[in-house]
């Protein structure tokens, strides 16, 4: 069961990576942010905070993509509940981006002002 779960997770990651441009961009952002954080004079805890914030963004992006795929599968007609679900998913991504931004601003503020 655990091995199958790993295969399903891999398939989900690959589906998001191949089909969702925003997810690809956020994966590249995670890689770049990790490299930058490692080379800045951050502690390992601060590097971990950067990575965690970016991984959280990826999680929210995948959930948003899953919501959108489900709504699109249900039908193409415009429905207020479908719009609400998609808008809430988009809002969740925006809030996750805010967490990434706050993390970076806080760490850079501390780095350059202390």
N, C-alpha and C. Protein backbone atom coordinates (compact mmCIF):
# COMPACT_ATOMS: atom_id res chain seq x y z
N UNK A 1 0.83 -1.21 0.00
CA UNK A 1 0.00 0.00 0.00
C UNK A 1 0.86 1.26 0.00
N UNK A 2 1.92 1.24 0.80
CA UNK A 2 2.78 2.42 0.88
C UNK A 2 3.47 2.69 -0.45
N UNK A 3 3.91 1.62 -1.09
CA UNK A 3 4.56 1.76 -2.40
C UNK A 3 3.58 2.32 -3.43
N UNK A 4 2.34 1.82 -3.43
CA UNK A 4 1.33 2.35 -4.34
C UNK A 4 1.07 3.83 -4.06
N UNK A 5 1.01 4.20 -2.79
CA UNK A 5 0.79 5.60 -2.43
C UNK A 5 1.92 6.48 -2.97
N UNK A 6 3.13 5.98 -2.92
CA UNK A 6 4.26 6.73 -3.46
C UNK A 6 4.14 6.91 -4.97
N UNK A 7 3.69 5.85 -5.66
CA UNK A 7 3.49 5.95 -7.11
C UNK A 7 2.38 6.95 -7.44
N UNK A 8 1.29 6.93 -6.68
CA UNK A 8 0.20 7.90 -6.91
C UNK A 8 0.68 9.33 -6.66
N UNK A 9 1.49 9.50 -5.63
CA UNK A 9 2.02 10.83 -5.34
C UNK A 9 2.94 11.30 -6.46
N UNK A 10 3.78 10.41 -6.94
CA UNK A 10 4.65 10.76 -8.07
C UNK A 10 3.82 11.15 -9.28
N UNK A 11 2.77 10.37 -9.56
CA UNK A 11 1.89 10.67 -10.69
C UNK A 11 1.22 12.03 -10.52
N UNK A 12 0.82 12.34 -9.30
CA UNK A 12 0.21 13.64 -9.03
C UNK A 12 1.18 14.78 -9.24
N UNK A 13 2.40 14.59 -8.76
CA UNK A 13 3.43 15.62 -8.95
C UNK A 13 3.70 15.83 -10.43
N UNK A 14 3.87 14.74 -11.17
CA UNK A 14 4.16 14.85 -12.60
C UNK A 14 2.98 15.46 -13.36
N UNK A 15 1.76 15.11 -12.98
CA UNK A 15 0.58 15.71 -13.63
C UNK A 15 0.55 17.21 -13.39
N UNK A 16 0.81 17.62 -12.16
CA UNK A 16 0.84 19.05 -11.86
C UNK A 16 1.97 19.73 -12.62
N UNK A 17 3.14 19.11 -12.64
CA UNK A 17 4.29 19.72 -13.29
C UNK A 17 4.07 19.85 -14.80
N UNK A 18 3.49 18.83 -15.42
CA UNK A 18 3.31 18.85 -16.87
C UNK A 18 2.12 19.69 -17.32
N UNK A 19 1.10 19.82 -16.48
CA UNK A 19 -0.14 20.47 -16.90
C UNK A 19 -0.40 21.84 -16.30
N UNK A 20 0.33 22.21 -15.27
CA UNK A 20 0.07 23.47 -14.58
C UNK A 20 1.30 24.37 -14.62
N UNK A 21 1.21 25.44 -15.42
CA UNK A 21 2.34 26.35 -15.57
C UNK A 21 2.71 27.00 -14.23
N UNK A 22 1.72 27.40 -13.45
CA UNK A 22 1.99 28.04 -12.16
C UNK A 22 2.76 27.09 -11.24
N UNK A 23 2.41 25.82 -11.25
CA UNK A 23 3.11 24.83 -10.42
C UNK A 23 4.56 24.72 -10.86
N UNK A 24 4.81 24.65 -12.17
CA UNK A 24 6.19 24.58 -12.67
C UNK A 24 6.99 25.79 -12.21
N UNK A 25 6.38 26.97 -12.35
CA UNK A 25 7.08 28.19 -11.93
C UNK A 25 7.40 28.16 -10.44
N UNK A 26 6.48 27.64 -9.65
CA UNK A 26 6.70 27.59 -8.21
C UNK A 26 7.74 26.54 -7.83
N UNK A 27 7.85 25.46 -8.60
CA UNK A 27 8.92 24.48 -8.37
C UNK A 27 10.27 25.13 -8.65
N UNK A 28 10.37 25.85 -9.78
CA UNK A 28 11.62 26.53 -10.10
C UNK A 28 11.94 27.59 -9.05
N UNK A 29 10.92 28.28 -8.57
CA UNK A 29 11.10 29.28 -7.52
C UNK A 29 11.63 28.61 -6.25
N UNK A 30 11.09 27.45 -5.90
CA UNK A 30 11.58 26.70 -4.73
C UNK A 30 13.06 26.36 -4.89
N UNK A 31 13.43 25.87 -6.05
CA UNK A 31 14.83 25.50 -6.28
C UNK A 31 15.75 26.72 -6.18
N UNK A 32 15.35 27.82 -6.83
CA UNK A 32 16.16 29.04 -6.78
C UNK A 32 16.22 29.59 -5.36
N UNK A 33 15.10 29.62 -4.67
CA UNK A 33 15.05 30.15 -3.31
C UNK A 33 15.92 29.33 -2.37
N UNK A 34 15.91 28.01 -2.55
CA UNK A 34 16.72 27.14 -1.70
C UNK A 34 18.21 27.42 -1.92
N UNK A 35 18.60 27.53 -3.16
CA UNK A 35 20.01 27.81 -3.47
C UNK A 35 20.42 29.17 -2.91
N UNK A 36 19.58 30.18 -3.12
CA UNK A 36 19.89 31.52 -2.61
C UNK A 36 19.98 31.50 -1.09
N UNK A 37 19.03 30.85 -0.44
CA UNK A 37 19.01 30.81 1.03
C UNK A 37 20.24 30.10 1.58
N UNK A 38 20.70 29.08 0.89
CA UNK A 38 21.90 28.35 1.34
C UNK A 38 23.13 29.25 1.27
N UNK A 39 23.21 30.07 0.22
CA UNK A 39 24.39 30.91 0.05
C UNK A 39 24.34 32.21 0.83
N UNK A 40 23.17 32.61 1.31
CA UNK A 40 23.09 33.77 2.19
C UNK A 40 23.53 33.34 3.59
N UNK A 41 23.94 34.28 4.41
CA UNK A 41 24.37 33.89 5.76
C UNK A 41 23.19 33.61 6.69
N UNK A 42 22.36 32.67 6.29
CA UNK A 42 21.22 32.23 7.09
C UNK A 42 21.63 31.01 7.90
N UNK A 43 21.00 30.85 9.03
CA UNK A 43 21.17 29.61 9.78
C UNK A 43 20.40 28.51 9.05
N UNK A 44 20.65 27.27 9.46
CA UNK A 44 19.93 26.15 8.83
C UNK A 44 18.44 26.23 9.13
N UNK A 45 18.09 26.77 10.29
CA UNK A 45 16.69 26.95 10.64
C UNK A 45 16.03 27.95 9.69
N UNK A 46 16.74 29.02 9.37
CA UNK A 46 16.19 30.01 8.45
C UNK A 46 16.06 29.46 7.04
N UNK A 47 17.03 28.67 6.61
CA UNK A 47 16.93 28.00 5.31
C UNK A 47 15.72 27.07 5.31
N UNK A 48 15.53 26.35 6.41
CA UNK A 48 14.38 25.45 6.52
C UNK A 48 13.07 26.24 6.44
N UNK A 49 13.01 27.41 7.05
CA UNK A 49 11.80 28.23 6.97
C UNK A 49 11.49 28.64 5.53
N UNK A 50 12.52 28.99 4.79
CA UNK A 50 12.33 29.35 3.37
C UNK A 50 11.79 28.14 2.61
N UNK A 51 12.40 26.99 2.79
CA UNK A 51 11.98 25.78 2.08
C UNK A 51 10.55 25.40 2.47
N UNK A 52 10.25 25.45 3.76
CA UNK A 52 8.90 25.11 4.23
C UNK A 52 7.85 26.04 3.64
N UNK A 53 8.14 27.34 3.61
CA UNK A 53 7.18 28.29 3.04
C UNK A 53 6.92 27.99 1.57
N UNK A 54 7.98 27.68 0.83
CA UNK A 54 7.82 27.37 -0.60
C UNK A 54 7.12 26.02 -0.81
N UNK A 55 7.42 25.04 0.02
CA UNK A 55 6.71 23.76 -0.08
C UNK A 55 5.22 23.93 0.23
N UNK A 56 4.92 24.77 1.21
CA UNK A 56 3.51 25.06 1.52
C UNK A 56 2.82 25.67 0.30
N UNK A 57 3.49 26.58 -0.39
CA UNK A 57 2.93 27.16 -1.61
C UNK A 57 2.65 26.07 -2.65
N UNK A 58 3.57 25.12 -2.81
CA UNK A 58 3.35 24.03 -3.76
C UNK A 58 2.15 23.18 -3.37
N UNK A 59 2.01 22.91 -2.08
CA UNK A 59 0.87 22.12 -1.60
C UNK A 59 -0.43 22.83 -1.92
N UNK A 60 -0.50 24.11 -1.63
CA UNK A 60 -1.73 24.87 -1.89
C UNK A 60 -2.01 24.94 -3.38
N UNK A 61 -0.97 25.10 -4.19
CA UNK A 61 -1.14 25.15 -5.65
C UNK A 61 -1.70 23.83 -6.18
N UNK A 62 -1.20 22.71 -5.65
CA UNK A 62 -1.71 21.41 -6.09
C UNK A 62 -3.18 21.26 -5.69
N UNK A 63 -3.52 21.65 -4.48
CA UNK A 63 -4.92 21.56 -4.04
C UNK A 63 -5.82 22.46 -4.89
N UNK A 64 -5.33 23.66 -5.20
CA UNK A 64 -6.10 24.55 -6.06
C UNK A 64 -6.30 23.93 -7.45
N UNK A 65 -5.25 23.33 -7.99
CA UNK A 65 -5.36 22.69 -9.30
C UNK A 65 -6.34 21.52 -9.25
N UNK A 66 -6.33 20.78 -8.14
CA UNK A 66 -7.28 19.66 -7.99
C UNK A 66 -8.72 20.17 -7.94
N UNK A 67 -8.93 21.26 -7.24
CA UNK A 67 -10.28 21.86 -7.19
C UNK A 67 -10.71 22.28 -8.58
N UNK A 68 -9.83 22.97 -9.29
CA UNK A 68 -10.16 23.44 -10.63
C UNK A 68 -10.45 22.28 -11.57
N UNK A 69 -9.65 21.22 -11.50
CA UNK A 69 -9.86 20.06 -12.37
C UNK A 69 -11.20 19.40 -12.06
N UNK A 70 -11.54 19.31 -10.79
CA UNK A 70 -12.81 18.71 -10.39
C UNK A 70 -13.98 19.54 -10.90
N UNK A 71 -13.91 20.84 -10.73
CA UNK A 71 -14.98 21.73 -11.19
C UNK A 71 -15.11 21.64 -12.71
N UNK A 72 -13.97 21.64 -13.41
CA UNK A 72 -14.01 21.54 -14.87
C UNK A 72 -14.57 20.20 -15.32
N UNK A 73 -14.32 19.16 -14.56
CA UNK A 73 -14.84 17.83 -14.90
C UNK A 73 -16.35 17.77 -14.77
N UNK A 74 -16.89 18.50 -13.80
CA UNK A 74 -18.33 18.49 -13.54
C UNK A 74 -19.10 19.06 -14.72
N UNK A 75 -18.58 20.14 -15.29
CA UNK A 75 -19.28 20.73 -16.42
C UNK A 75 -18.70 22.07 -16.81
N UNK A 76 -19.09 22.53 -17.99
CA UNK A 76 -18.54 23.78 -18.50
C UNK A 76 -19.46 24.98 -18.23
N UNK A 77 -20.68 24.71 -17.77
CA UNK A 77 -21.58 25.83 -17.51
C UNK A 77 -21.09 26.64 -16.31
N UNK A 78 -21.38 27.93 -16.37
CA UNK A 78 -20.99 28.82 -15.28
C UNK A 78 -22.01 28.69 -14.16
N UNK A 79 -21.51 28.35 -12.97
CA UNK A 79 -22.38 28.18 -11.81
C UNK A 79 -21.76 28.95 -10.65
N UNK A 80 -22.58 29.63 -9.84
CA UNK A 80 -22.03 30.42 -8.73
C UNK A 80 -21.19 29.59 -7.75
N UNK A 81 -21.57 28.36 -7.48
CA UNK A 81 -20.79 27.54 -6.56
C UNK A 81 -19.45 27.13 -7.17
N UNK A 82 -19.44 26.87 -8.48
CA UNK A 82 -18.18 26.56 -9.15
C UNK A 82 -17.24 27.76 -9.10
N UNK A 83 -17.79 28.94 -9.37
CA UNK A 83 -16.99 30.16 -9.30
C UNK A 83 -16.46 30.37 -7.90
N UNK A 84 -17.29 30.15 -6.90
CA UNK A 84 -16.87 30.34 -5.52
C UNK A 84 -15.72 29.39 -5.17
N UNK A 85 -15.85 28.13 -5.57
CA UNK A 85 -14.80 27.15 -5.27
C UNK A 85 -13.48 27.53 -5.94
N UNK A 86 -13.54 27.92 -7.21
CA UNK A 86 -12.33 28.31 -7.91
C UNK A 86 -11.73 29.58 -7.32
N UNK A 87 -12.57 30.55 -6.98
CA UNK A 87 -12.07 31.79 -6.39
C UNK A 87 -11.44 31.55 -5.03
N UNK A 88 -12.02 30.66 -4.24
CA UNK A 88 -11.44 30.35 -2.93
C UNK A 88 -10.10 29.64 -3.08
N UNK A 89 -10.00 28.76 -4.04
CA UNK A 89 -8.71 28.10 -4.30
C UNK A 89 -7.66 29.11 -4.71
N UNK A 90 -8.04 30.04 -5.56
CA UNK A 90 -7.13 31.09 -5.98
C UNK A 90 -6.71 31.96 -4.80
N UNK A 91 -7.64 32.27 -3.93
CA UNK A 91 -7.33 33.05 -2.74
C UNK A 91 -6.36 32.31 -1.84
N UNK A 92 -6.52 31.01 -1.71
CA UNK A 92 -5.60 30.21 -0.90
C UNK A 92 -4.18 30.29 -1.45
N UNK A 93 -4.04 30.25 -2.77
CA UNK A 93 -2.72 30.39 -3.39
C UNK A 93 -2.14 31.76 -3.08
N UNK A 94 -2.96 32.80 -3.20
CA UNK A 94 -2.49 34.15 -2.91
C UNK A 94 -2.01 34.26 -1.45
N UNK A 95 -2.74 33.68 -0.53
CA UNK A 95 -2.32 33.71 0.88
C UNK A 95 -1.02 32.94 1.09
N UNK A 96 -0.86 31.83 0.38
CA UNK A 96 0.40 31.07 0.48
C UNK A 96 1.56 31.88 -0.08
N UNK A 97 1.31 32.62 -1.16
CA UNK A 97 2.35 33.51 -1.71
C UNK A 97 2.70 34.59 -0.68
N UNK A 98 1.69 35.10 0.02
CA UNK A 98 1.95 36.09 1.07
C UNK A 98 2.83 35.51 2.17
N UNK A 99 2.63 34.24 2.52
CA UNK A 99 3.47 33.59 3.53
C UNK A 99 4.92 33.51 3.04
N UNK A 100 5.11 33.17 1.78
CA UNK A 100 6.46 33.14 1.21
C UNK A 100 7.09 34.52 1.27
N UNK A 101 6.33 35.54 0.86
CA UNK A 101 6.85 36.90 0.85
C UNK A 101 7.19 37.38 2.27
N UNK A 102 6.31 37.12 3.21
CA UNK A 102 6.56 37.52 4.61
C UNK A 102 7.78 36.81 5.16
N UNK A 103 7.95 35.54 4.82
CA UNK A 103 9.12 34.80 5.27
C UNK A 103 10.40 35.45 4.75
N UNK A 104 10.43 35.72 3.45
CA UNK A 104 11.63 36.33 2.86
C UNK A 104 11.87 37.73 3.42
N UNK A 105 10.84 38.54 3.50
CA UNK A 105 11.00 39.91 4.01
C UNK A 105 11.52 39.87 5.45
N UNK A 106 10.96 39.00 6.26
CA UNK A 106 11.40 38.90 7.67
C UNK A 106 12.86 38.48 7.76
N UNK A 107 13.25 37.49 6.99
CA UNK A 107 14.63 37.00 7.06
C UNK A 107 15.61 38.03 6.52
N UNK A 108 15.26 38.66 5.41
CA UNK A 108 16.15 39.67 4.84
C UNK A 108 16.22 40.91 5.74
N UNK A 109 15.10 41.27 6.33
CA UNK A 109 15.07 42.41 7.26
C UNK A 109 16.01 42.14 8.43
N UNK A 110 15.92 40.95 8.98
CA UNK A 110 16.79 40.56 10.09
C UNK A 110 18.24 40.52 9.66
N UNK A 111 18.50 40.02 8.47
CA UNK A 111 19.86 39.87 7.99
C UNK A 111 20.53 41.23 7.80
N UNK A 112 19.83 42.17 7.21
CA UNK A 112 20.45 43.44 6.85
C UNK A 112 20.32 44.52 7.92
N UNK A 113 19.45 44.35 8.87
CA UNK A 113 19.28 45.38 9.89
C UNK A 113 19.87 45.01 11.24
N UNK A 114 20.23 43.77 11.43
CA UNK A 114 20.82 43.37 12.71
C UNK A 114 22.27 43.01 12.58
